[in-house]
Structure formats: structure tokens, C-alpha cells
Amino acid sequence: MPADKPRYLLMIMLDEPQPTKETHGYATAGWNAGPTAAKVIARVAPLLDLPPRFELPQADQLILAMTVESR
């Protein structure tokens, strides 16, 4: 992270993820590891002096908007 100028790599691995009500019964990376990674990045990025950016390319803005709406 950040994606456009990588400096850090974050790897999230869940051993035997379980479906939950919040994941709508899914146990896939998009429903488990993805949200977990987002929470880790939100906590770690300020410590690494990586401020959030809001003036992103259009495609990245759409991804960010979908992430915020899902919370």
C-alpha cells in the first residue's frame, strides 16, 4: 500500500473462515479477508504516515465508494 506507489505489503490469511450472518453465509476472501484487511489498513496506515487520499482516479473512487457504503 498504497496501490499506486507500493511501499508496504499486507497479507491476510484466515484459516478455515466460517460463514456468518454478516457475510450472508459466504466464507470467501471477499467477505472475510477483504474486510479484515481494510480494518488493519485503517489502523496501520496512520502509523506508517500514509494519509487517506480522496482525489483518486475515477475507478478507484468507485471502489472506495462501494467500500464505504458496505459499512
Protein backbone atom coordinates (compact mmCIF):
# COMPACT_ATOMS: atom_id res chain seq x y z
CA MET A 1 0.00 0.00 0.00
CA PRO A 2 -0.67 2.46 -1.36
CA ALA A 3 -1.75 0.67 -4.51
CA ASP A 4 -0.41 3.21 -6.99
CA LYS A 5 3.00 3.60 -5.30
CA PRO A 6 3.55 0.40 -3.30
CA ARG A 7 5.75 0.63 -0.22
CA TYR A 8 4.16 -1.95 2.06
CA LEU A 9 2.59 -5.37 1.60
CA LEU A 10 -0.22 -6.63 3.78
CA MET A 11 -1.11 -10.31 3.75
CA ILE A 12 -4.24 -11.57 5.48
CA MET A 13 -4.70 -15.31 5.76
CA LEU A 14 -7.65 -16.83 7.57
CA ASP A 15 -7.52 -20.49 8.49
CA GLU A 16 -10.88 -22.12 7.82
CA PRO A 17 -13.08 -19.00 7.67
CA GLN A 18 -16.65 -19.61 8.69
CA PRO A 19 -19.76 -18.12 7.12
CA THR A 20 -21.63 -15.71 9.35
CA LYS A 21 -24.81 -13.67 9.20
CA GLU A 22 -22.72 -10.58 8.36
CA THR A 23 -21.14 -12.38 5.36
CA HIS A 24 -24.56 -13.58 4.14
CA GLY A 25 -23.45 -17.18 4.59
CA TYR A 26 -20.29 -16.85 2.48
CA ALA A 27 -16.81 -17.86 3.61
CA THR A 28 -14.85 -16.37 0.70
CA ALA A 29 -11.91 -13.94 0.72
CA GLY A 30 -14.09 -11.05 -0.43
CA TRP A 31 -16.37 -11.47 2.55
CA ASN A 32 -13.73 -12.34 5.15
CA ALA A 33 -10.13 -11.40 4.35
CA GLY A 34 -11.04 -8.24 2.41
CA PRO A 35 -12.92 -6.50 5.25
CA THR A 36 -10.28 -7.70 7.72
CA ALA A 37 -7.53 -6.17 5.57
CA ALA A 38 -9.48 -2.89 5.35
CA LYS A 39 -9.68 -2.69 9.15
CA VAL A 40 -5.96 -3.45 9.54
CA ILE A 41 -5.05 -0.80 6.94
CA ALA A 42 -7.29 1.77 8.63
CA ARG A 43 -5.38 1.21 11.89
CA VAL A 44 -1.85 0.84 10.48
CA ALA A 45 -1.77 3.46 7.70
CA PRO A 46 -1.63 6.46 10.07
CA LEU A 47 1.28 4.83 11.91
CA LEU A 48 3.11 4.49 8.58
CA ASP A 49 2.34 8.12 7.68
CA LEU A 50 0.03 7.09 4.83
CA PRO A 51 -2.86 9.57 4.97
CA PRO A 52 -6.16 8.77 3.25
CA ARG A 53 -6.50 10.25 -0.21
CA PHE A 54 -9.78 11.43 -1.60
CA GLU A 55 -8.71 12.74 -5.01
CA LEU A 56 -8.33 9.37 -6.68
CA PRO A 57 -8.77 8.22 -10.27
CA GLN A 58 -12.41 7.52 -11.19
CA ALA A 59 -12.06 3.72 -10.98
CA ASP A 60 -10.51 3.95 -7.52
CA GLN A 61 -13.26 6.35 -6.40
CA LEU A 62 -15.87 3.75 -7.34
CA ILE A 63 -14.08 1.06 -5.34
CA LEU A 64 -13.80 3.38 -2.35
CA ALA A 65 -17.46 4.37 -2.59
CA MET A 66 -18.55 0.72 -2.62
CA THR A 67 -16.38 0.01 0.45
CA VAL A 68 -17.81 2.93 2.42
CA GLU A 69 -21.40 2.01 1.51
CA SER A 70 -20.93 -1.56 2.78
CA ARG A 71 -20.09 -0.41 6.34
